[in-house]
Amino acid sequence: MPKTKILLAVSMLMLVTLACNTLLSAPATAPPSGPATATVSADPTSTPVVIVEPTFPVEEPDLPANEAAVPRVSLEQALTAYSAGAAVFVDVRAPQSYEISHIPGAINISLGVFETDIANVNLKKDAWIITYCT
């Protein structure tokens, strides 16, 4: 049995080596459509093999479909989470409204910034972000 396994392993190694040598010695042609594809053909009369790199869809966060689908939180839940350090209050009103009155400890990031420049919003990603506007 061990001799059979060794013979099988050597045979597989030889096949892989031959296959690699064949691919390396084949002339490559220019990619037909952009950097994500490449064509390799050993014989100009044979059908070319096109290798296409996979693309993956961009993961979009699960955003609510409409305003009614936005999750709501009670004042008691919000206060408990904030007091425990598990939540951050974000006032999304204009800075002028924030200056007049806001929840103590809340930070001001206007809604326009969330809509246009979310990548530059500096918030703890592991905290529960509770936004409010009134």
Foldseek 3Di string as FASTA:
>chain_A
DVVVVVVVVVVVVVVVVVVVVQQVPFDWDDAPDDDQWTWTDNDPPDDIDIDGDDDDDDDDPDDDPDPVRDDDDDPVVQVVCVVVVQEAEEAQDDPVVVVVDDDPRHHYDHPVCCVPPVVPDDDPPRHHYHYDHD
